[in-house]
PDB file of N, CA and C in Angstrom:
ATOM      1  N   MET A   1    -188.090  71.361-101.710  1.00  0.00           N
ATOM      2  CA  MET A   1    -186.718  71.818-101.768  1.00  0.00           C
ATOM      3  C   MET A   1    -185.797  70.651-101.453  1.00  0.00           C
ATOM      4  N   ALA A   2    -184.779  70.509-102.269  1.00  0.00           N
ATOM      5  CA  ALA A   2    -183.795  69.454-102.052  1.00  0.00           C
ATOM      6  C   ALA A   2    -182.865  69.840-100.902  1.00  0.00           C
ATOM      7  N   HIS A   3    -182.281  68.839-100.300  1.00  0.00           N
ATOM      8  CA  HIS A   3    -181.283  69.034 -99.254  1.00  0.00           C
ATOM      9  C   HIS A   3    -180.067  68.169 -99.581  1.00  0.00           C
ATOM     10  N   TYR A   4    -178.909  68.680 -99.265  1.00  0.00           N
ATOM     11  CA  TYR A   4    -177.678  67.904 -99.370  1.00  0.00           C
ATOM     12  C   TYR A   4    -177.116  67.708 -97.973  1.00  0.00           C
ATOM     13  N   ILE A   5    -176.593  66.531 -97.738  1.00  0.00           N
ATOM     14  CA  ILE A   5    -175.966  66.236 -96.455  1.00  0.00           C
ATOM     15  C   ILE A   5    -174.575  66.883 -96.446  1.00  0.00           C
ATOM     16  N   ALA A   6    -174.279  67.565 -95.360  1.00  0.00           N
ATOM     17  CA  ALA A   6    -172.954  68.160 -95.158  1.00  0.00           C
ATOM     18  C   ALA A   6    -172.344  67.576 -93.893  1.00  0.00           C
ATOM     19  N   LEU A   7    -171.043  67.471 -93.907  1.00  0.00           N
ATOM     20  CA  LEU A   7    -170.290  67.049 -92.733  1.00  0.00           C
ATOM     21  C   LEU A   7    -169.557  68.276 -92.203  1.00  0.00           C
ATOM     22  N   ILE A   8    -169.792  68.588 -90.948  1.00  0.00           N
ATOM     23  CA  ILE A   8    -169.149  69.743 -90.341  1.00  0.00           C
ATOM     24  C   ILE A   8    -168.129  69.246 -89.321  1.00  0.00           C
ATOM     25  N   HIS A   9    -166.903  69.701 -89.512  1.00  0.00           N
ATOM     26  CA  HIS A   9    -165.803  69.341 -88.621  1.00  0.00           C
ATOM     27  C   HIS A   9    -165.251  70.604 -87.973  1.00  0.00           C
ATOM     28  N   LYS A  10    -164.704  70.424 -86.783  1.00  0.00           N
ATOM     29  CA  LYS A  10    -164.010  71.527 -86.119  1.00  0.00           C
ATOM     30  C   LYS A  10    -162.893  70.948 -85.273  1.00  0.00           C
ATOM     31  N   ASP A  11    -161.690  71.358 -85.613  1.00  0.00           N
ATOM     32  CA  ASP A  11    -160.532  71.004 -84.809  1.00  0.00           C
ATOM     33  C   ASP A  11    -160.256  72.141 -83.831  1.00  0.00           C
ATOM     34  N   ALA A  12    -159.526  71.840 -82.786  1.00  0.00           N
ATOM     35  CA  ALA A  12    -159.145  72.894 -81.842  1.00  0.00           C
ATOM     36  C   ALA A  12    -158.391  73.982 -82.593  1.00  0.00           C
ATOM     37  N   ASP A  13    -158.630  75.209 -82.228  1.00  0.00           N
ATOM     38  CA  ASP A  13    -157.963  76.361 -82.846  1.00  0.00           C
ATOM     39  C   ASP A  13    -158.250  76.507 -84.342  1.00  0.00           C
ATOM     40  N   SER A  14    -159.431  76.094 -84.768  1.00  0.00           N
ATOM     41  CA  SER A  14    -159.806  76.282 -86.174  1.00  0.00           C
ATOM     42  C   SER A  14    -161.267  76.682 -86.260  1.00  0.00           C
ATOM     43  N   CYS A  15    -161.675  77.088 -87.437  1.00  0.00           N
ATOM     44  CA  CYS A  15    -163.082  77.404 -87.651  1.00  0.00           C
ATOM     45  C   CYS A  15    -163.832  76.122 -88.006  1.00  0.00           C
ATOM     46  N   TYR A  16    -165.142  76.228 -88.159  1.00  0.00           N
ATOM     47  CA  TYR A  16    -165.961  75.104 -88.579  1.00  0.00           C
ATOM     48  C   TYR A  16    -165.821  74.938 -90.089  1.00  0.00           C
ATOM     49  N   GLY A  17    -165.660  73.715 -90.551  1.00  0.00           N
ATOM     50  CA  GLY A  17    -165.557  73.443 -91.974  1.00  0.00           C
ATOM     51  C   GLY A  17    -166.670  72.505 -92.409  1.00  0.00           C
ATOM     52  N   ALA A  18    -167.264  72.790 -93.566  1.00  0.00           N
ATOM     53  CA  ALA A  18    -168.346  71.957 -94.094  1.00  0.00           C
ATOM     54  C   ALA A  18    -167.953  71.410 -95.457  1.00  0.00           C
ATOM     55  N   SER A  19    -168.195  70.120 -95.655  1.00  0.00           N
ATOM     56  CA  SER A  19    -167.983  69.475 -96.948  1.00  0.00           C
ATOM     57  C   SER A  19    -169.216  68.650 -97.282  1.00  0.00           C
ATOM     58  N   PHE A  20    -169.337  68.300 -98.540  1.00  0.00           N
ATOM     59  CA  PHE A  20    -170.534  67.614 -99.038  1.00  0.00           C
ATOM     60  C   PHE A  20    -170.140  66.303 -99.702  1.00  0.00           C
ATOM     61  N   PRO A  21    -170.507  65.172 -99.129  1.00  0.00           N
ATOM     62  CA  PRO A  21    -170.149  63.885 -99.729  1.00  0.00           C
ATOM     63  C   PRO A  21    -170.643  63.725-101.169  1.00  0.00           C
ATOM     64  N   ASP A  22    -171.760  64.336-101.513  1.00  0.00           N
ATOM     65  CA  ASP A  22    -172.313  64.183-102.857  1.00  0.00           C
ATOM     66  C   ASP A  22    -171.796  65.208-103.849  1.00  0.00           C
ATOM     67  N   VAL A  23    -171.066  66.210-103.375  1.00  0.00           N
ATOM     68  CA  VAL A  23    -170.566  67.270-104.252  1.00  0.00           C
ATOM     69  C   VAL A  23    -169.064  67.422-103.981  1.00  0.00           C
ATOM     70  N   PRO A  24    -168.259  66.539-104.549  1.00  0.00           N
ATOM     71  CA  PRO A  24    -166.830  66.548-104.257  1.00  0.00           C
ATOM     72  C   PRO A  24    -166.160  67.857-104.646  1.00  0.00           C
ATOM     73  N   GLY A  25    -165.259  68.306-103.782  1.00  0.00           N
ATOM     74  CA  GLY A  25    -164.513  69.522-104.041  1.00  0.00           C
ATOM     75  C   GLY A  25    -165.205  70.794-103.592  1.00  0.00           C
ATOM     76  N   VAL A  26    -166.442  70.692-103.116  1.00  0.00           N
ATOM     77  CA  VAL A  26    -167.175  71.869-102.651  1.00  0.00           C
ATOM     78  C   VAL A  26    -167.129  71.870-101.124  1.00  0.00           C
ATOM     79  N   PHE A  27    -166.645  72.964-100.575  1.00  0.00           N
ATOM     80  CA  PHE A  27    -166.540  73.083 -99.120  1.00  0.00           C
ATOM     81  C   PHE A  27    -166.571  74.552 -98.753  1.00  0.00           C
ATOM     82  N   THR A  28    -166.759  74.818 -97.480  1.00  0.00           N
ATOM     83  CA  THR A  28    -166.760  76.185 -96.970  1.00  0.00           C
ATOM     84  C   THR A  28    -166.405  76.146 -95.491  1.00  0.00           C
ATOM     85  N   ALA A  29    -166.282  77.323 -94.904  1.00  0.00           N
ATOM     86  CA  ALA A  29    -165.924  77.416 -93.486  1.00  0.00           C
ATOM     87  C   ALA A  29    -166.568  78.655 -92.880  1.00  0.00           C
ATOM     88  N   GLY A  30    -166.681  78.633 -91.561  1.00  0.00           N
ATOM     89  CA  GLY A  30    -167.219  79.764 -90.832  1.00  0.00           C
ATOM     90  C   GLY A  30    -166.764  79.729 -89.393  1.00  0.00           C
ATOM     91  N   ASP A  31    -166.823  80.881 -88.741  1.00  0.00           N
ATOM     92  CA  ASP A  31    -166.371  80.979 -87.350  1.00  0.00           C
ATOM     93  C   ASP A  31    -167.360  80.382 -86.356  1.00  0.00           C
ATOM     94  N   THR A  32    -168.634  80.294 -86.738  1.00  0.00           N
ATOM     95  CA  THR A  32    -169.664  79.720 -85.860  1.00  0.00           C
ATOM     96  C   THR A  32    -170.469  78.691 -86.654  1.00  0.00           C
ATOM     97  N   MET A  33    -171.245  77.899 -85.939  1.00  0.00           N
ATOM     98  CA  MET A  33    -172.120  76.933 -86.616  1.00  0.00           C
ATOM     99  C   MET A  33    -173.130  77.654 -87.491  1.00  0.00           C
ATOM    100  N   ASP A  34    -173.707  78.738 -86.984  1.00  0.00           N
ATOM    101  CA  ASP A  34    -174.671  79.496 -87.779  1.00  0.00           C
ATOM    102  C   ASP A  34    -174.038  79.999 -89.074  1.00  0.00           C
ATOM    103  N   GLU A  35    -172.828  80.521 -88.956  1.00  0.00           N
ATOM    104  CA  GLU A  35    -172.159  81.054 -90.141  1.00  0.00           C
ATOM    105  C   GLU A  35    -171.831  79.959 -91.142  1.00  0.00           C
ATOM    106  N   VAL A  36    -171.324  78.831 -90.682  1.00  0.00           N
ATOM    107  CA  VAL A  36    -170.976  77.765 -91.624  1.00  0.00           C
ATOM    108  C   VAL A  36    -172.231  77.175 -92.280  1.00  0.00           C
ATOM    109  N   MET A  37    -173.334  77.126 -91.562  1.00  0.00           N
ATOM    110  CA  MET A  37    -174.581  76.637 -92.159  1.00  0.00           C
ATOM    111  C   MET A  37    -175.069  77.595 -93.242  1.00  0.00           C
ATOM    112  N   GLN A  38    -175.001  78.887 -92.989  1.00  0.00           N
ATOM    113  CA  GLN A  38    -175.403  79.875 -93.993  1.00  0.00           C
ATOM    114  C   GLN A  38    -174.500  79.778 -95.215  1.00  0.00           C
ATOM    115  N   LYS A  39    -173.200  79.718 -94.982  1.00  0.00           N
ATOM    116  CA  LYS A  39    -172.258  79.634 -96.092  1.00  0.00           C
ATOM    117  C   LYS A  39    -172.400  78.327 -96.857  1.00  0.00           C
ATOM    118  N   ALA A  40    -172.760  77.250 -96.181  1.00  0.00           N
ATOM    119  CA  ALA A  40    -172.936  75.961 -96.854  1.00  0.00           C
ATOM    120  C   ALA A  40    -174.050  76.052 -97.898  1.00  0.00           C
ATOM    121  N   ALA A  41    -175.163  76.663 -97.539  1.00  0.00           N
ATOM    122  CA  ALA A  41    -176.264  76.829 -98.493  1.00  0.00           C
ATOM    123  C   ALA A  41    -175.827  77.711 -99.657  1.00  0.00           C
ATOM    124  N   GLU A  42    -175.077  78.761 -99.366  1.00  0.00           N
ATOM    125  CA  GLU A  42    -174.613  79.672-100.415  1.00  0.00           C
ATOM    126  C   GLU A  42    -173.623  79.000-101.358  1.00  0.00           C
ATOM    127  N   VAL A  43    -172.695  78.211-100.820  1.00  0.00           N
ATOM    128  CA  VAL A  43    -171.673  77.593-101.669  1.00  0.00           C
ATOM    129  C   VAL A  43    -172.275  76.526-102.578  1.00  0.00           C
ATOM    130  N   LEU A  44    -173.311  75.844-102.113  1.00  0.00           N
ATOM    131  CA  LEU A  44    -173.989  74.879-102.989  1.00  0.00           C
ATOM    132  C   LEU A  44    -174.599  75.587-104.191  1.00  0.00           C
ATOM    133  N   GLU A  45    -175.299  76.671-103.927  1.00  0.00           N
ATOM    134  CA  GLU A  45    -175.926  77.433-105.013  1.00  0.00           C
ATOM    135  C   GLU A  45    -174.870  77.967-105.977  1.00  0.00           C
ATOM    136  N   PHE A  46    -173.792  78.500-105.446  1.00  0.00           N
ATOM    137  CA  PHE A  46    -172.710  79.040-106.272  1.00  0.00           C
ATOM    138  C   PHE A  46    -172.065  77.938-107.116  1.00  0.00           C
ATOM    139  N   ALA A  47    -171.785  76.786-106.519  1.00  0.00           N
ATOM    140  CA  ALA A  47    -171.139  75.686-107.241  1.00  0.00           C
ATOM    141  C   ALA A  47    -172.009  75.165-108.375  1.00  0.00           C
ATOM    142  N   ALA A  48    -173.314  75.142-108.168  1.00  0.00           N
ATOM    143  CA  ALA A  48    -174.228  74.612-109.185  1.00  0.00           C
ATOM    144  C   ALA A  48    -174.267  75.482-110.438  1.00  0.00           C
ATOM    145  N   GLU A  49    -173.969  76.772-110.283  1.00  0.00           N
ATOM    146  CA  GLU A  49    -174.068  77.697-111.416  1.00  0.00           C
ATOM    147  C   GLU A  49    -173.202  77.285-112.592  1.00  0.00           C
ATOM    148  N   ASP A  50    -171.969  76.854-112.343  1.00  0.00           N
ATOM    149  CA  ASP A  50    -171.040  76.519-113.426  1.00  0.00           C
ATOM    150  C   ASP A  50    -170.572  75.069-113.384  1.00  0.00           C
ATOM    151  N   TRP A  51    -171.229  74.244-112.600  1.00  0.00           N
ATOM    152  CA  TRP A  51    -170.775  72.867-112.383  1.00  0.00           C
ATOM    153  C   TRP A  51    -170.555  72.111-113.680  1.00  0.00           C
ATOM    154  N   THR A  52    -171.566  72.061-114.542  1.00  0.00           N
ATOM    155  CA  THR A  52    -171.478  71.277-115.773  1.00  0.00           C
ATOM    156  C   THR A  52    -170.387  71.827-116.679  1.00  0.00           C
ATOM    157  N   GLU A  53    -170.312  73.136-116.783  1.00  0.00           N
ATOM    158  CA  GLU A  53    -169.290  73.764-117.624  1.00  0.00           C
ATOM    159  C   GLU A  53    -167.881  73.453-117.116  1.00  0.00           C
ATOM    160  N   LEU A  54    -167.698  73.489-115.802  1.00  0.00           N
ATOM    161  CA  LEU A  54    -166.368  73.288-115.226  1.00  0.00           C
ATOM    162  C   LEU A  54    -165.966  71.824-115.103  1.00  0.00           C
ATOM    163  N   THR A  55    -166.944  70.950-114.841  1.00  0.00           N
ATOM    164  CA  THR A  55    -166.612  69.541-114.604  1.00  0.00           C
ATOM    165  C   THR A  55    -166.945  68.629-115.775  1.00  0.00           C
ATOM    166  N   GLY A  56    -167.829  69.083-116.657  1.00  0.00           N
ATOM    167  CA  GLY A  56    -168.276  68.222-117.755  1.00  0.00           C
ATOM    168  C   GLY A  56    -169.269  67.170-117.314  1.00  0.00           C
ATOM    169  N   ARG A  57    -169.776  67.297-116.096  1.00  0.00           N
ATOM    170  CA  ARG A  57    -170.739  66.329-115.556  1.00  0.00           C
ATOM    171  C   ARG A  57    -172.001  67.041-115.117  1.00  0.00           C
ATOM    172  N   ASP A  58    -173.087  66.281-115.033  1.00  0.00           N
ATOM    173  CA  ASP A  58    -174.330  66.827-114.497  1.00  0.00           C
ATOM    174  C   ASP A  58    -174.164  67.084-113.005  1.00  0.00           C
ATOM    175  N   TRP A  59    -174.960  68.033-112.511  1.00  0.00           N
ATOM    176  CA  TRP A  59    -174.975  68.314-111.074  1.00  0.00           C
ATOM    177  C   TRP A  59    -175.404  67.040-110.345  1.00  0.00           C
ATOM    178  N   PRO A  60    -174.672  66.628-109.306  1.00  0.00           N
ATOM    179  CA  PRO A  60    -174.992  65.368-108.620  1.00  0.00           C
ATOM    180  C   PRO A  60    -176.302  65.436-107.837  1.00  0.00           C
ATOM    181  N   ARG A  61    -177.015  64.349-107.862  1.00  0.00           N
ATOM    182  CA  ARG A  61    -178.254  64.277-107.090  1.00  0.00           C
ATOM    183  C   ARG A  61    -177.901  64.030-105.629  1.00  0.00           C
ATOM    184  N   PRO A  62    -178.702  64.551-104.717  1.00  0.00           N
ATOM    185  CA  PRO A  62    -178.432  64.304-103.292  1.00  0.00           C
ATOM    186  C   PRO A  62    -178.866  62.900-102.904  1.00  0.00           C
ATOM    187  N   ARG A  63    -177.990  62.189-102.224  1.00  0.00           N
ATOM    188  CA  ARG A  63    -178.358  60.879-101.684  1.00  0.00           C
ATOM    189  C   ARG A  63    -179.065  61.066-100.351  1.00  0.00           C
ATOM    190  N   THR A  64    -179.892  60.117-100.015  1.00  0.00           N
ATOM    191  CA  THR A  64    -180.555  60.144 -98.711  1.00  0.00           C
ATOM    192  C   THR A  64    -179.537  59.766 -97.642  1.00  0.00           C
ATOM    193  N   ILE A  65    -179.877  60.056 -96.408  1.00  0.00           N
ATOM    194  CA  ILE A  65    -178.979  59.690 -95.310  1.00  0.00           C
ATOM    195  C   ILE A  65    -178.807  58.177 -95.246  1.00  0.00           C
ATOM    196  N   ASP A  66    -179.858  57.426 -95.565  1.00  0.00           N
ATOM    197  CA  ASP A  66    -179.738  55.962 -95.575  1.00  0.00           C
ATOM    198  C   ASP A  66    -178.782  55.489 -96.665  1.00  0.00           C
ATOM    199  N   GLU A  67    -178.843  56.106 -97.844  1.00  0.00           N
ATOM    200  CA  GLU A  67    -177.906  55.749 -98.911  1.00  0.00           C
ATOM    201  C   GLU A  67    -176.477  56.072 -98.489  1.00  0.00           C
ATOM    202  N   LEU A  68    -176.289  57.219 -97.889  1.00  0.00           N
ATOM    203  CA  LEU A  68    -174.952  57.602 -97.448  1.00  0.00           C
ATOM    204  C   LEU A  68    -174.430  56.662 -96.365  1.00  0.00           C
ATOM    205  N   ARG A  69    -175.267  56.329 -95.418  1.00  0.00           N
ATOM    206  CA  ARG A  69    -174.834  55.452 -94.317  1.00  0.00           C
ATOM    207  C   ARG A  69    -174.444  54.060 -94.797  1.00  0.00           C
ATOM    208  N   ALA A  70    -174.899  53.674 -95.971  1.00  0.00           N
ATOM    209  CA  ALA A  70    -174.523  52.374 -96.535  1.00  0.00           C
ATOM    210  C   ALA A  70    -173.084  52.391 -97.058  1.00  0.00           C
ATOM    211  N   SER A  71    -172.492  53.575 -97.163  1.00  0.00           N
ATOM    212  CA  SER A  71    -171.135  53.723 -97.679  1.00  0.00           C
ATOM    213  C   SER A  71    -170.113  53.706 -96.551  1.00  0.00           C
ATOM    214  N   PRO A  72    -169.177  52.759 -96.578  1.00  0.00           N
ATOM    215  CA  PRO A  72    -168.125  52.746 -95.550  1.00  0.00           C
ATOM    216  C   PRO A  72    -167.310  54.047 -95.542  1.00  0.00           C
ATOM    217  N   GLU A  73    -167.083  54.623 -96.708  1.00  0.00           N
ATOM    218  CA  GLU A  73    -166.333  55.883 -96.785  1.00  0.00           C
ATOM    219  C   GLU A  73    -167.073  56.999 -96.046  1.00  0.00           C
ATOM    220  N   PHE A  74    -168.386  57.092 -96.246  1.00  0.00           N
ATOM    221  CA  PHE A  74    -169.168  58.106 -95.543  1.00  0.00           C
ATOM    222  C   PHE A  74    -169.122  57.866 -94.033  1.00  0.00           C
ATOM    223  N   ARG A  75    -169.301  56.630 -93.618  1.00  0.00           N
ATOM    224  CA  ARG A  75    -169.283  56.350 -92.177  1.00  0.00           C
ATOM    225  C   ARG A  75    -167.954  56.753 -91.564  1.00  0.00           C
ATOM    226  N   HIS A  76    -166.874  56.532 -92.277  1.00  0.00           N
ATOM    227  CA  HIS A  76    -165.553  56.918 -91.777  1.00  0.00           C
ATOM    228  C   HIS A  76    -165.435  58.448 -91.690  1.00  0.00           C
ATOM    229  N   GLU A  77    -165.838  59.147 -92.771  1.00  0.00           N
ATOM    230  CA  GLU A  77    -165.741  60.611 -92.803  1.00  0.00           C
ATOM    231  C   GLU A  77    -166.655  61.267 -91.775  1.00  0.00           C
ATOM    232  N   ALA A  78    -167.788  60.640 -91.492  1.00  0.00           N
ATOM    233  CA  ALA A  78    -168.778  61.218 -90.587  1.00  0.00           C
ATOM    234  C   ALA A  78    -168.527  60.880 -89.118  1.00  0.00           C
ATOM    235  N   ALA A  79    -167.565  60.027 -88.853  1.00  0.00           N
ATOM    236  CA  ALA A  79    -167.357  59.516 -87.495  1.00  0.00           C
ATOM    237  C   ALA A  79    -167.232  60.628 -86.453  1.00  0.00           C
ATOM    238  N   GLU A  80    -166.518  61.681 -86.751  1.00  0.00           N
ATOM    239  CA  GLU A  80    -166.331  62.757 -85.779  1.00  0.00           C
ATOM    240  C   GLU A  80    -166.913  64.073 -86.272  1.00  0.00           C
ATOM    241  N   ALA A  81    -167.884  63.979 -87.165  1.00  0.00           N
ATOM    242  CA  ALA A  81    -168.493  65.179 -87.751  1.00  0.00           C
ATOM    243  C   ALA A  81    -169.915  65.362 -87.239  1.00  0.00           C
ATOM    244  N   VAL A  82    -170.388  66.580 -87.360  1.00  0.00           N
ATOM    245  CA  VAL A  82    -171.806  66.863 -87.190  1.00  0.00           C
ATOM    246  C   VAL A  82    -172.411  66.691 -88.575  1.00  0.00           C
ATOM    247  N   VAL A  83    -173.441  65.866 -88.684  1.00  0.00           N
ATOM    248  CA  VAL A  83    -174.090  65.604 -89.970  1.00  0.00           C
ATOM    249  C   VAL A  83    -175.342  66.462 -90.040  1.00  0.00           C
ATOM    250  N   VAL A  84    -175.432  67.310 -91.078  1.00  0.00           N
ATOM    251  CA  VAL A  84    -176.556  68.228 -91.214  1.00  0.00           C
ATOM    252  C   VAL A  84    -177.118  68.161 -92.631  1.00  0.00           C
ATOM    253  N   ALA A  85    -178.389  68.535 -92.757  1.00  0.00           N
ATOM    254  CA  ALA A  85    -179.033  68.655 -94.061  1.00  0.00           C
ATOM    255  C   ALA A  85    -179.058  70.136 -94.430  1.00  0.00           C
ATOM    256  N   VAL A  86    -178.471  70.465 -95.573  1.00  0.00           N
ATOM    257  CA  VAL A  86    -178.384  71.847 -96.024  1.00  0.00           C
ATOM    258  C   VAL A  86    -179.376  72.046 -97.170  1.00  0.00           C
ATOM    259  N   PRO A  87    -180.262  73.029 -97.058  1.00  0.00           N
ATOM    260  CA  PRO A  87    -181.221  73.273 -98.138  1.00  0.00           C
ATOM    261  C   PRO A  87    -180.502  73.737 -99.399  1.00  0.00           C
ATOM    262  N   PHE A  88    -180.979  73.242-100.526  1.00  0.00           N
ATOM    263  CA  PHE A  88    -180.405  73.603-101.816  1.00  0.00           C
ATOM    264  C   PHE A  88    -181.435  74.390-102.603  1.00  0.00           C
ATOM    265  N   ARG A  89    -181.188  75.674-102.731  1.00  0.00           N
ATOM    266  CA  ARG A  89    -182.092  76.571-103.456  1.00  0.00           C
ATOM    267  C   ARG A  89    -181.537  76.779-104.857  1.00  0.00           C
ATOM    268  N   VAL A  90    -181.848  75.856-105.717  1.00  0.00           N
ATOM    269  CA  VAL A  90    -181.343  75.940-107.093  1.00  0.00           C
ATOM    270  C   VAL A  90    -182.187  76.917-107.908  1.00  0.00           C
ATOM    271  N   ASN A  91    -181.499  77.696-108.722  1.00  0.00           N
ATOM    272  CA  ASN A  91    -182.247  78.554-109.635  1.00  0.00           C
ATOM    273  C   ASN A  91    -182.394  77.822-110.960  1.00  0.00           C
ATOM    274  N   ALA A  92    -183.240  78.297-111.841  1.00  0.00           N
ATOM    275  CA  ALA A  92    -183.550  77.613-113.089  1.00  0.00           C
ATOM    276  C   ALA A  92    -182.313  77.446-113.968  1.00  0.00           C
ATOM    277  N   GLU A  93    -181.434  78.444-114.015  1.00  0.00           N
ATOM    278  CA  GLU A  93    -180.261  78.346-114.850  1.00  0.00           C
ATOM    279  C   GLU A  93    -179.297  77.288-114.359  1.00  0.00           C
ATOM    280  N   ALA A  94    -179.133  77.158-113.045  1.00  0.00           N
ATOM    281  CA  ALA A  94    -178.205  76.182-112.492  1.00  0.00           C
ATOM    282  C   ALA A  94    -178.687  74.765-112.734  1.00  0.00           C
ATOM    283  N   ALA A  95    -179.984  74.561-112.818  1.00  0.00           N
ATOM    284  CA  ALA A  95    -180.525  73.225-112.982  1.00  0.00           C
ATOM    285  C   ALA A  95    -180.379  72.711-114.409  1.00  0.00           C
ATOM    286  N   GLU A  96    -180.065  73.590-115.354  1.00  0.00           N
ATOM    287  CA  GLU A  96    -179.949  73.174-116.760  1.00  0.00           C
ATOM    288  C   GLU A  96    -178.699  72.417-117.026  1.00  0.00           C
TER     289      GLU A  96
END
């Protein structure tokens, strides 16, 4: 099973927010860490369903944490985030 790295941020008086460096524009939020982790896996699957049709591009491959850490942009975005690996349960139709 593939995993995508997510960055989880939480500001005071806000919920937890998750974004994916390898899947621009895809994000979600939840009131707890458990909830945002569950929603993160769900939003990846949902985004993959129509990605090519909506963006005109292939679904992005997940970079390894080492590849991401080589990026100054990632290091900046991750500075105050919790970095997690989110399982990606792709169905056959989404992978096409």
